[in-house]
Every structure is written in C-alpha cells, then in structure tokens.
N, C-alpha and C. Protein backbone atom coordinates (compact mmCIF):
# COMPACT_ATOMS: atom_id res chain seq x y z
N UNK A 1 2.57 -13.05 31.79
CA UNK A 1 3.37 -12.60 30.65
C UNK A 1 2.69 -12.98 29.33
N UNK A 2 2.08 -14.17 29.30
CA UNK A 2 1.42 -14.61 28.07
C UNK A 2 0.33 -13.62 27.66
N UNK A 3 -0.41 -13.13 28.66
CA UNK A 3 -1.49 -12.17 28.35
C UNK A 3 -0.92 -10.90 27.74
N UNK A 4 0.18 -10.39 28.30
CA UNK A 4 0.81 -9.19 27.75
C UNK A 4 1.28 -9.42 26.32
N UNK A 5 1.91 -10.56 26.09
CA UNK A 5 2.42 -10.88 24.76
C UNK A 5 1.26 -10.97 23.76
N UNK A 6 0.17 -11.62 24.15
CA UNK A 6 -0.99 -11.72 23.26
C UNK A 6 -1.63 -10.35 23.02
N UNK A 7 -1.58 -9.47 24.02
CA UNK A 7 -2.08 -8.10 23.82
C UNK A 7 -1.24 -7.35 22.78
N UNK A 8 0.07 -7.58 22.79
CA UNK A 8 0.92 -6.97 21.76
C UNK A 8 0.48 -7.44 20.38
N UNK A 9 0.18 -8.73 20.28
CA UNK A 9 -0.26 -9.28 19.01
C UNK A 9 -1.60 -8.68 18.60
N UNK A 10 -2.55 -8.64 19.51
CA UNK A 10 -3.87 -8.07 19.22
C UNK A 10 -3.76 -6.59 18.84
N UNK A 11 -2.77 -5.89 19.41
CA UNK A 11 -2.62 -4.46 19.10
C UNK A 11 -2.34 -4.24 17.62
N UNK A 12 -1.64 -5.17 16.97
CA UNK A 12 -1.38 -5.03 15.53
C UNK A 12 -2.67 -5.06 14.74
N UNK A 13 -3.60 -5.90 15.15
CA UNK A 13 -4.89 -5.99 14.47
C UNK A 13 -5.63 -4.67 14.61
N UNK A 14 -5.72 -4.17 15.83
CA UNK A 14 -6.43 -2.91 16.08
C UNK A 14 -5.74 -1.74 15.38
N UNK A 15 -4.42 -1.71 15.43
CA UNK A 15 -3.70 -0.60 14.81
C UNK A 15 -3.87 -0.60 13.29
N UNK A 16 -4.01 -1.78 12.69
CA UNK A 16 -4.25 -1.84 11.25
C UNK A 16 -5.49 -1.06 10.87
N UNK A 17 -6.58 -1.26 11.61
CA UNK A 17 -7.83 -0.55 11.33
C UNK A 17 -7.68 0.95 11.56
N UNK A 18 -7.00 1.32 12.63
CA UNK A 18 -6.80 2.74 12.95
C UNK A 18 -5.96 3.41 11.85
N UNK A 19 -4.90 2.74 11.42
CA UNK A 19 -4.03 3.30 10.38
C UNK A 19 -4.81 3.46 9.07
N UNK A 20 -5.63 2.48 8.73
CA UNK A 20 -6.47 2.60 7.53
C UNK A 20 -7.30 3.89 7.61
N UNK A 21 -7.94 4.12 8.74
CA UNK A 21 -8.77 5.32 8.90
C UNK A 21 -7.94 6.59 8.84
N UNK A 22 -6.75 6.57 9.42
CA UNK A 22 -5.88 7.74 9.38
C UNK A 22 -5.45 8.07 7.95
N UNK A 23 -5.31 7.06 7.12
CA UNK A 23 -4.90 7.28 5.73
C UNK A 23 -5.99 7.96 4.90
N UNK A 24 -7.19 8.02 5.42
CA UNK A 24 -8.29 8.65 4.68
C UNK A 24 -8.26 10.17 4.83
N UNK A 25 -7.34 10.69 5.65
CA UNK A 25 -7.21 12.14 5.84
C UNK A 25 -5.74 12.52 5.80
N UNK A 26 -5.41 13.56 5.06
CA UNK A 26 -4.00 13.98 4.97
C UNK A 26 -3.47 14.46 6.32
N UNK A 27 -4.35 14.77 7.23
CA UNK A 27 -3.92 15.17 8.58
C UNK A 27 -3.44 13.97 9.39
N UNK A 28 -3.70 12.76 8.93
CA UNK A 28 -3.37 11.58 9.71
C UNK A 28 -2.11 10.85 9.27
N UNK A 29 -1.42 11.35 8.26
CA UNK A 29 -0.28 10.62 7.70
C UNK A 29 0.85 10.41 8.71
N UNK A 30 1.21 11.44 9.42
CA UNK A 30 2.33 11.31 10.38
C UNK A 30 1.98 10.34 11.50
N UNK A 31 0.77 10.46 12.02
CA UNK A 31 0.34 9.55 13.08
C UNK A 31 0.25 8.12 12.54
N UNK A 32 -0.20 7.96 11.31
CA UNK A 32 -0.26 6.63 10.69
C UNK A 32 1.14 6.01 10.63
N UNK A 33 2.12 6.80 10.25
CA UNK A 33 3.50 6.32 10.18
C UNK A 33 3.99 5.89 11.56
N UNK A 34 3.76 6.73 12.55
CA UNK A 34 4.20 6.42 13.92
C UNK A 34 3.53 5.14 14.43
N UNK A 35 2.22 5.04 14.24
CA UNK A 35 1.50 3.85 14.72
C UNK A 35 1.94 2.60 13.96
N UNK A 36 2.21 2.74 12.67
CA UNK A 36 2.66 1.59 11.90
C UNK A 36 4.03 1.13 12.40
N UNK A 37 4.92 2.05 12.69
CA UNK A 37 6.24 1.68 13.23
C UNK A 37 6.08 0.97 14.57
N UNK A 38 5.17 1.48 15.40
CA UNK A 38 4.91 0.82 16.68
C UNK A 38 4.37 -0.59 16.46
N UNK A 39 3.43 -0.72 15.54
CA UNK A 39 2.84 -2.04 15.25
C UNK A 39 3.92 -2.99 14.73
N UNK A 40 4.79 -2.49 13.88
CA UNK A 40 5.86 -3.33 13.33
C UNK A 40 6.80 -3.80 14.43
N UNK A 41 7.08 -2.93 15.38
CA UNK A 41 7.96 -3.29 16.49
C UNK A 41 7.32 -4.37 17.36
N UNK A 42 6.00 -4.32 17.53
CA UNK A 42 5.34 -5.36 18.35
C UNK A 42 5.50 -6.73 17.71
N UNK A 43 5.65 -6.77 16.38
CA UNK A 43 5.84 -8.05 15.70
C UNK A 43 7.13 -8.71 16.18
N UNK A 44 8.16 -7.91 16.39
CA UNK A 44 9.42 -8.44 16.91
C UNK A 44 9.29 -8.80 18.38
N UNK A 45 8.75 -7.88 19.17
CA UNK A 45 8.76 -8.06 20.62
C UNK A 45 7.85 -9.17 21.12
N UNK A 46 6.72 -9.41 20.47
CA UNK A 46 5.88 -10.48 21.00
C UNK A 46 6.58 -11.84 20.87
N UNK A 47 7.27 -12.05 19.75
CA UNK A 47 8.02 -13.29 19.59
C UNK A 47 9.24 -13.36 20.50
N UNK A 48 9.95 -12.26 20.59
CA UNK A 48 11.15 -12.20 21.45
C UNK A 48 10.79 -12.49 22.91
N UNK A 49 9.77 -11.81 23.40
CA UNK A 49 9.38 -11.99 24.80
C UNK A 49 8.85 -13.39 25.06
N UNK A 50 8.11 -13.93 24.10
CA UNK A 50 7.57 -15.29 24.27
C UNK A 50 8.70 -16.30 24.39
N UNK A 51 9.73 -16.14 23.57
CA UNK A 51 10.86 -17.07 23.64
C UNK A 51 11.70 -16.82 24.90
N UNK A 52 11.96 -15.56 25.23
CA UNK A 52 12.81 -15.23 26.37
C UNK A 52 12.21 -15.72 27.69
N UNK A 53 10.91 -15.56 27.84
CA UNK A 53 10.25 -15.93 29.10
C UNK A 53 9.53 -17.28 29.00
N UNK A 54 9.85 -18.03 27.98
CA UNK A 54 9.22 -19.33 27.75
C UNK A 54 7.70 -19.21 27.92
N UNK A 55 7.15 -18.20 27.26
CA UNK A 55 5.72 -17.90 27.37
C UNK A 55 5.03 -18.07 26.01
N UNK A 56 5.50 -19.06 25.27
CA UNK A 56 4.89 -19.34 23.97
C UNK A 56 3.55 -20.00 24.23
N UNK A 57 2.52 -19.49 23.56
CA UNK A 57 1.19 -20.08 23.73
C UNK A 57 0.65 -20.51 22.36
N UNK A 58 -0.25 -21.47 22.39
CA UNK A 58 -0.86 -21.93 21.14
C UNK A 58 -1.62 -20.78 20.48
N UNK A 59 -2.34 -19.99 21.29
CA UNK A 59 -3.08 -18.85 20.76
C UNK A 59 -2.12 -17.86 20.10
N UNK A 60 -1.01 -17.59 20.76
CA UNK A 60 -0.02 -16.66 20.22
C UNK A 60 0.59 -17.16 18.92
N UNK A 61 0.88 -18.45 18.85
CA UNK A 61 1.45 -19.01 17.62
C UNK A 61 0.48 -18.89 16.45
N UNK A 62 -0.81 -19.00 16.74
CA UNK A 62 -1.81 -18.88 15.68
C UNK A 62 -2.05 -17.42 15.32
N UNK A 63 -2.16 -16.57 16.35
CA UNK A 63 -2.51 -15.16 16.13
C UNK A 63 -1.40 -14.32 15.53
N UNK A 64 -0.16 -14.63 15.86
CA UNK A 64 0.95 -13.78 15.42
C UNK A 64 0.99 -13.60 13.90
N UNK A 65 1.00 -14.68 13.11
CA UNK A 65 1.03 -14.46 11.66
C UNK A 65 -0.26 -13.86 11.13
N UNK A 66 -1.38 -14.15 11.78
CA UNK A 66 -2.65 -13.58 11.34
C UNK A 66 -2.65 -12.07 11.60
N UNK A 67 -2.13 -11.65 12.74
CA UNK A 67 -2.06 -10.22 13.06
C UNK A 67 -1.20 -9.49 12.05
N UNK A 68 -0.08 -10.10 11.66
CA UNK A 68 0.78 -9.49 10.63
C UNK A 68 0.00 -9.28 9.34
N UNK A 69 -0.72 -10.31 8.93
CA UNK A 69 -1.47 -10.25 7.67
C UNK A 69 -2.58 -9.21 7.73
N UNK A 70 -3.29 -9.15 8.84
CA UNK A 70 -4.37 -8.17 8.98
C UNK A 70 -3.81 -6.76 8.93
N UNK A 71 -2.72 -6.52 9.63
CA UNK A 71 -2.08 -5.20 9.60
C UNK A 71 -1.69 -4.83 8.17
N UNK A 72 -1.03 -5.75 7.49
CA UNK A 72 -0.56 -5.48 6.13
C UNK A 72 -1.74 -5.26 5.18
N UNK A 73 -2.79 -6.06 5.31
CA UNK A 73 -3.97 -5.91 4.45
C UNK A 73 -4.61 -4.55 4.64
N UNK A 74 -4.85 -4.17 5.89
CA UNK A 74 -5.47 -2.87 6.16
C UNK A 74 -4.66 -1.73 5.54
N UNK A 75 -3.35 -1.77 5.74
CA UNK A 75 -2.53 -0.65 5.28
C UNK A 75 -2.37 -0.66 3.76
N UNK A 76 -2.22 -1.83 3.15
CA UNK A 76 -2.15 -1.86 1.68
C UNK A 76 -3.45 -1.36 1.07
N UNK A 77 -4.59 -1.77 1.62
CA UNK A 77 -5.88 -1.26 1.12
C UNK A 77 -5.95 0.25 1.30
N UNK A 78 -5.55 0.73 2.48
CA UNK A 78 -5.58 2.17 2.74
C UNK A 78 -4.68 2.94 1.79
N UNK A 79 -3.50 2.41 1.52
CA UNK A 79 -2.58 3.07 0.58
C UNK A 79 -3.13 3.06 -0.83
N UNK A 80 -3.71 1.93 -1.25
CA UNK A 80 -4.27 1.84 -2.61
C UNK A 80 -5.39 2.86 -2.79
N UNK A 81 -6.25 2.99 -1.78
CA UNK A 81 -7.35 3.96 -1.86
C UNK A 81 -6.79 5.38 -1.83
N UNK A 82 -5.92 5.64 -0.86
CA UNK A 82 -5.38 6.99 -0.69
C UNK A 82 -4.63 7.47 -1.91
N UNK A 83 -3.80 6.61 -2.46
CA UNK A 83 -2.96 7.01 -3.59
C UNK A 83 -3.63 6.74 -4.94
N UNK A 84 -4.85 6.22 -4.89
CA UNK A 84 -5.59 5.88 -6.11
C UNK A 84 -4.69 5.04 -7.01
N UNK A 85 -4.09 4.02 -6.40
CA UNK A 85 -3.06 3.23 -7.09
C UNK A 85 -3.57 1.83 -7.42
N UNK A 86 -3.76 1.60 -8.71
CA UNK A 86 -4.12 0.26 -9.16
C UNK A 86 -2.94 -0.70 -8.95
N UNK A 87 -1.72 -0.19 -9.04
CA UNK A 87 -0.54 -1.01 -8.84
C UNK A 87 -0.51 -1.57 -7.42
N UNK A 88 -0.66 -0.70 -6.42
CA UNK A 88 -0.65 -1.17 -5.03
C UNK A 88 -1.82 -2.11 -4.80
N UNK A 89 -2.98 -1.79 -5.38
CA UNK A 89 -4.15 -2.65 -5.21
C UNK A 89 -3.90 -4.04 -5.80
N UNK A 90 -3.36 -4.10 -7.02
CA UNK A 90 -3.15 -5.39 -7.68
C UNK A 90 -2.05 -6.20 -7.01
N UNK A 91 -0.91 -5.57 -6.75
CA UNK A 91 0.18 -6.30 -6.09
C UNK A 91 -0.22 -6.71 -4.68
N UNK A 92 -0.96 -5.82 -4.01
CA UNK A 92 -1.48 -6.15 -2.68
C UNK A 92 -2.42 -7.35 -2.74
N UNK A 93 -3.27 -7.41 -3.76
CA UNK A 93 -4.18 -8.54 -3.92
C UNK A 93 -3.40 -9.84 -4.15
N UNK A 94 -2.31 -9.77 -4.93
CA UNK A 94 -1.48 -10.96 -5.12
C UNK A 94 -0.83 -11.40 -3.81
N UNK A 95 -0.36 -10.44 -3.04
CA UNK A 95 0.24 -10.76 -1.74
C UNK A 95 -0.79 -11.41 -0.82
N UNK A 96 -1.97 -10.83 -0.78
CA UNK A 96 -3.03 -11.37 0.08
C UNK A 96 -3.46 -12.76 -0.39
N UNK A 97 -3.51 -12.97 -1.70
CA UNK A 97 -3.86 -14.28 -2.24
C UNK A 97 -2.85 -15.33 -1.79
N UNK A 98 -1.58 -14.99 -1.84
CA UNK A 98 -0.54 -15.92 -1.37
C UNK A 98 -0.75 -16.24 0.09
N UNK A 99 -1.06 -15.22 0.89
CA UNK A 99 -1.24 -15.44 2.33
C UNK A 99 -2.41 -16.39 2.60
N UNK A 100 -3.50 -16.21 1.86
CA UNK A 100 -4.66 -17.10 2.02
C UNK A 100 -4.29 -18.51 1.57
N UNK A 101 -3.58 -18.63 0.45
CA UNK A 101 -3.15 -19.93 -0.06
C UNK A 101 -2.28 -20.66 0.95
N UNK A 102 -1.30 -19.96 1.53
CA UNK A 102 -0.42 -20.59 2.51
C UNK A 102 -1.20 -20.97 3.76
N UNK A 103 -2.17 -20.15 4.15
CA UNK A 103 -3.03 -20.51 5.27
C UNK A 103 -3.79 -21.80 4.99
N UNK A 104 -4.26 -21.96 3.77
CA UNK A 104 -4.96 -23.19 3.38
C UNK A 104 -3.99 -24.38 3.39
N UNK A 105 -2.77 -24.16 2.91
CA UNK A 105 -1.77 -25.24 2.95
C UNK A 105 -1.47 -25.65 4.38
N UNK A 106 -1.37 -24.67 5.28
CA UNK A 106 -1.10 -24.98 6.69
C UNK A 106 -2.23 -25.81 7.28
N UNK A 107 -3.46 -25.45 6.94
CA UNK A 107 -4.61 -26.22 7.42
C UNK A 107 -4.55 -27.64 6.87
N UNK A 108 -4.30 -27.78 5.58
CA UNK A 108 -4.20 -29.09 4.94
C UNK A 108 -3.10 -29.93 5.59
N UNK A 109 -1.94 -29.33 5.77
CA UNK A 109 -0.81 -30.05 6.36
C UNK A 109 -1.07 -30.42 7.82
N UNK A 110 -1.75 -29.55 8.56
CA UNK A 110 -2.09 -29.87 9.95
C UNK A 110 -3.04 -31.07 10.00
N UNK A 111 -3.99 -31.12 9.10
CA UNK A 111 -4.94 -32.25 9.05
C UNK A 111 -4.25 -33.56 8.68
N UNK A 112 -3.15 -33.46 7.93
CA UNK A 112 -2.42 -34.65 7.49
C UNK A 112 -1.15 -34.90 8.29
N UNK A 113 -1.04 -34.25 9.45
CA UNK A 113 0.13 -34.40 10.33
C UNK A 113 1.44 -34.11 9.58
N UNK A 114 1.42 -33.07 8.77
CA UNK A 114 2.61 -32.66 8.00
C UNK A 114 2.92 -31.19 8.23
N UNK A 115 2.70 -30.69 9.42
CA UNK A 115 2.87 -29.27 9.71
C UNK A 115 4.28 -28.76 9.40
N UNK A 116 5.26 -29.65 9.41
CA UNK A 116 6.63 -29.23 9.10
C UNK A 116 6.76 -28.67 7.69
N UNK A 117 5.88 -29.10 6.78
CA UNK A 117 5.95 -28.65 5.39
C UNK A 117 5.70 -27.14 5.27
N UNK A 118 4.95 -26.59 6.20
CA UNK A 118 4.65 -25.15 6.14
C UNK A 118 5.09 -24.43 7.41
N UNK A 119 6.08 -24.99 8.07
CA UNK A 119 6.65 -24.32 9.23
C UNK A 119 7.31 -23.02 8.77
N UNK A 120 7.17 -21.97 9.55
CA UNK A 120 7.71 -20.66 9.19
C UNK A 120 9.22 -20.76 8.99
N UNK A 121 9.68 -20.24 7.87
CA UNK A 121 11.10 -20.27 7.54
C UNK A 121 11.72 -18.88 7.76
N UNK A 122 13.03 -18.86 7.75
CA UNK A 122 13.73 -17.57 7.88
C UNK A 122 13.37 -16.65 6.72
N UNK A 123 13.27 -17.21 5.52
CA UNK A 123 12.92 -16.40 4.35
C UNK A 123 11.51 -15.82 4.50
N UNK A 124 10.61 -16.56 5.12
CA UNK A 124 9.26 -16.03 5.35
C UNK A 124 9.29 -14.87 6.34
N UNK A 125 10.21 -14.92 7.29
CA UNK A 125 10.37 -13.78 8.22
C UNK A 125 10.93 -12.57 7.47
N UNK A 126 11.85 -12.83 6.54
CA UNK A 126 12.39 -11.75 5.70
C UNK A 126 11.25 -11.15 4.87
N UNK A 127 10.37 -12.01 4.37
CA UNK A 127 9.21 -11.56 3.57
C UNK A 127 8.37 -10.57 4.38
N UNK A 128 8.06 -10.93 5.59
CA UNK A 128 7.25 -10.04 6.43
C UNK A 128 7.99 -8.74 6.70
N UNK A 129 9.28 -8.84 7.01
CA UNK A 129 10.09 -7.64 7.25
C UNK A 129 10.10 -6.74 6.01
N UNK A 130 10.24 -7.33 4.84
CA UNK A 130 10.27 -6.56 3.60
C UNK A 130 8.92 -5.89 3.36
N UNK A 131 7.84 -6.59 3.63
CA UNK A 131 6.51 -5.99 3.47
C UNK A 131 6.34 -4.80 4.41
N UNK A 132 6.75 -4.98 5.66
CA UNK A 132 6.64 -3.89 6.65
C UNK A 132 7.52 -2.70 6.24
N UNK A 133 8.72 -2.99 5.77
CA UNK A 133 9.63 -1.93 5.32
C UNK A 133 9.04 -1.17 4.13
N UNK A 134 8.48 -1.90 3.18
CA UNK A 134 7.88 -1.29 1.99
C UNK A 134 6.75 -0.35 2.38
N UNK A 135 5.89 -0.82 3.26
CA UNK A 135 4.76 0.01 3.71
C UNK A 135 5.28 1.24 4.44
N UNK A 136 6.34 1.07 5.20
CA UNK A 136 6.94 2.23 5.90
C UNK A 136 7.41 3.29 4.92
N UNK A 137 7.96 2.86 3.80
CA UNK A 137 8.41 3.82 2.78
C UNK A 137 7.21 4.63 2.27
N UNK A 138 6.12 3.93 1.93
CA UNK A 138 4.92 4.64 1.46
C UNK A 138 4.40 5.62 2.51
N UNK A 139 4.33 5.17 3.76
CA UNK A 139 3.80 6.04 4.81
C UNK A 139 4.71 7.24 5.05
N UNK A 140 6.02 7.03 5.00
CA UNK A 140 6.96 8.14 5.13
C UNK A 140 6.77 9.12 3.98
N UNK A 141 6.59 8.61 2.77
CA UNK A 141 6.37 9.47 1.60
C UNK A 141 5.15 10.36 1.81
N UNK A 142 4.07 9.78 2.33
CA UNK A 142 2.87 10.58 2.57
C UNK A 142 3.10 11.59 3.70
N UNK A 143 3.79 11.15 4.76
CA UNK A 143 4.00 12.02 5.92
C UNK A 143 4.85 13.24 5.57
N UNK A 144 5.86 13.06 4.70
CA UNK A 144 6.72 14.20 4.35
C UNK A 144 6.41 14.75 2.96
N UNK A 145 5.36 14.23 2.35
CA UNK A 145 4.89 14.69 1.04
C UNK A 145 6.01 14.64 0.00
N UNK A 146 6.60 13.45 -0.14
CA UNK A 146 7.69 13.24 -1.10
C UNK A 146 7.28 12.12 -2.05
N UNK A 147 6.85 12.52 -3.23
CA UNK A 147 6.33 11.54 -4.18
C UNK A 147 7.41 10.66 -4.80
N UNK A 148 8.67 11.07 -4.75
CA UNK A 148 9.75 10.21 -5.23
C UNK A 148 9.81 8.93 -4.38
N UNK A 149 9.53 9.08 -3.09
CA UNK A 149 9.52 7.91 -2.21
C UNK A 149 8.40 6.94 -2.58
N UNK A 150 7.32 7.44 -3.18
CA UNK A 150 6.24 6.55 -3.64
C UNK A 150 6.79 5.61 -4.72
N UNK A 151 7.59 6.15 -5.62
CA UNK A 151 8.19 5.33 -6.69
C UNK A 151 9.13 4.30 -6.06
N UNK A 152 9.91 4.72 -5.09
CA UNK A 152 10.81 3.79 -4.39
C UNK A 152 9.98 2.72 -3.68
N UNK A 153 8.86 3.14 -3.07
CA UNK A 153 7.95 2.18 -2.44
C UNK A 153 7.42 1.17 -3.45
N UNK A 154 7.08 1.65 -4.66
CA UNK A 154 6.60 0.75 -5.71
C UNK A 154 7.66 -0.30 -6.06
N UNK A 155 8.91 0.13 -6.14
CA UNK A 155 10.00 -0.81 -6.44
C UNK A 155 10.10 -1.87 -5.35
N UNK A 156 10.07 -1.41 -4.10
CA UNK A 156 10.15 -2.36 -2.98
C UNK A 156 8.91 -3.24 -2.90
N UNK A 157 7.77 -2.74 -3.35
CA UNK A 157 6.57 -3.57 -3.36
C UNK A 157 6.74 -4.73 -4.35
N UNK A 158 7.38 -4.48 -5.49
CA UNK A 158 7.68 -5.57 -6.43
C UNK A 158 8.63 -6.58 -5.80
N UNK A 159 9.64 -6.09 -5.09
CA UNK A 159 10.58 -6.99 -4.41
C UNK A 159 9.84 -7.81 -3.35
N UNK A 160 8.99 -7.15 -2.59
CA UNK A 160 8.18 -7.84 -1.58
C UNK A 160 7.31 -8.91 -2.22
N UNK A 161 6.70 -8.55 -3.34
CA UNK A 161 5.85 -9.51 -4.05
C UNK A 161 6.66 -10.73 -4.49
N UNK A 162 7.83 -10.50 -5.04
CA UNK A 162 8.67 -11.62 -5.49
C UNK A 162 8.99 -12.57 -4.34
N UNK A 163 9.44 -12.01 -3.22
CA UNK A 163 9.78 -12.85 -2.05
C UNK A 163 8.53 -13.56 -1.54
N UNK A 164 7.42 -12.84 -1.51
CA UNK A 164 6.16 -13.41 -1.04
C UNK A 164 5.74 -14.60 -1.90
N UNK A 165 5.77 -14.41 -3.21
CA UNK A 165 5.37 -15.50 -4.11
C UNK A 165 6.37 -16.65 -4.06
N UNK A 166 7.64 -16.34 -3.94
CA UNK A 166 8.66 -17.39 -3.87
C UNK A 166 8.46 -18.25 -2.62
N UNK A 167 8.24 -17.63 -1.47
CA UNK A 167 8.03 -18.42 -0.27
C UNK A 167 6.74 -19.24 -0.38
N UNK A 168 5.73 -18.68 -1.03
CA UNK A 168 4.50 -19.44 -1.27
C UNK A 168 4.77 -20.66 -2.14
N UNK A 169 5.62 -20.49 -3.16
CA UNK A 169 5.99 -21.60 -4.02
C UNK A 169 6.72 -22.69 -3.22
N UNK A 170 7.64 -22.27 -2.36
CA UNK A 170 8.39 -23.24 -1.55
C UNK A 170 7.43 -24.03 -0.65
N UNK A 171 6.51 -23.33 0.02
CA UNK A 171 5.54 -24.02 0.87
C UNK A 171 4.68 -24.98 0.05
N UNK A 172 4.30 -24.56 -1.14
CA UNK A 172 3.46 -25.41 -2.00
C UNK A 172 4.24 -26.66 -2.40
N UNK A 173 5.47 -26.49 -2.84
CA UNK A 173 6.30 -27.64 -3.24
C UNK A 173 6.49 -28.62 -2.09
N UNK A 174 6.79 -28.09 -0.89
CA UNK A 174 6.99 -28.97 0.27
C UNK A 174 5.69 -29.68 0.65
N UNK A 175 4.57 -28.99 0.47
CA UNK A 175 3.29 -29.58 0.85
C UNK A 175 2.89 -30.73 -0.05
N UNK A 176 3.29 -30.67 -1.30
CA UNK A 176 2.86 -31.69 -2.24
C UNK A 176 3.96 -32.66 -2.68
N UNK A 177 5.13 -32.55 -2.03
CA UNK A 177 6.18 -33.52 -2.38
C UNK A 177 5.80 -34.88 -1.83
N UNK A 178 6.17 -35.88 -2.58
CA UNK A 178 5.83 -37.26 -2.22
C UNK A 178 6.97 -37.85 -1.41
N UNK A 179 6.59 -38.56 -0.34
CA UNK A 179 7.60 -39.24 0.46
C UNK A 179 8.29 -40.31 -0.37
N UNK A 180 9.58 -40.46 -0.19
CA UNK A 180 10.34 -41.45 -0.93
C UNK A 180 10.19 -42.87 -0.40
N UNK A 181 9.40 -43.07 0.62
CA UNK A 181 9.29 -44.42 1.20
C UNK A 181 8.28 -45.30 0.55
C-alpha cells in the first residue's frame, strides 16, 4: 500500500510537467484542467489512504508537500507564460519564495530538534486547497474561453497569497520564539 500511496504523490510531480506543456497549446486546455483536477484529488487521497491503512512513510511525509509545491510551481509558471501575466508571475514568485523559506525553516527546526514549530497546520492545508482552487479557476477559464474567470482567478490568487504569506509568518514566529525557561 505504501508503494501505491507514494506513486500517487509522484504522479503530482509528473502531472505538473505535463500540465505545463499542455498550457503551451490552446488545444491542451481542457486536458490540462482534467489532469490538474486529478492531481489535486491525489493530494487528498494519498494522505487519506496513508492514515486509513496506517501506511504513513517517512518518504511520503517528505514528498507529499514537495509534490504539492512542484505541481503548483509548474502550473503557475505555465499560466503566467500562457496568459502573458506579470501579475501571476509576481504573485507566483512570492508564493514560491514563501514555500522555499518555510522549507528552510523546517530544515533549521529539524536540526535543532524543534520540528513542532513548523508542523503542518490546518491553515496550511487550507492554503494548499486555496492555491489548488485558484489554479482550477484559471484552467477552467482557459478551457471554456471565459476571460471574466481570469479576473476572478486573479482575485483568488491575491487571497491565496495572503493566506500563504500569513502561514509563513506564523511558522517564522514559532521558529524564532524564545523558550520561557
């Protein structure tokens, strides 16, 4: 079961690259949307199955958040290029910067036996869900050729950015708080 669960996680990485390539052609928008929805669903199922079957693995715990980030990076880059959008590119770069920063904090905390400071929170799960939802709006807009949805996607991208930066701030504060002892 662990192998199957890890394959679900790896599929998000591979699908990110495929979706990026599909976004380079207007003929690929619908398939990109379908594959992205499938990839997003694997994010839920790999964790659900791991918990249900007590098949949590160290590799899976490390790869799961990385797979999410790789998927999101590929698709945000693809959308920025496809839509010639400096807004998506800049906000996407801020999101990616936060992800790298939190990864560095996790490494720092692991080295100092303080992993609890950057343990995944419920709000961080909401952050990922919001990012996936936002990207889905953009992909749907391209698939049905509705540019009003692009504007709605832009609004949700700002919301995603706010939640992303806020959770990064929380992890930073917890990482550098001084023990009261």
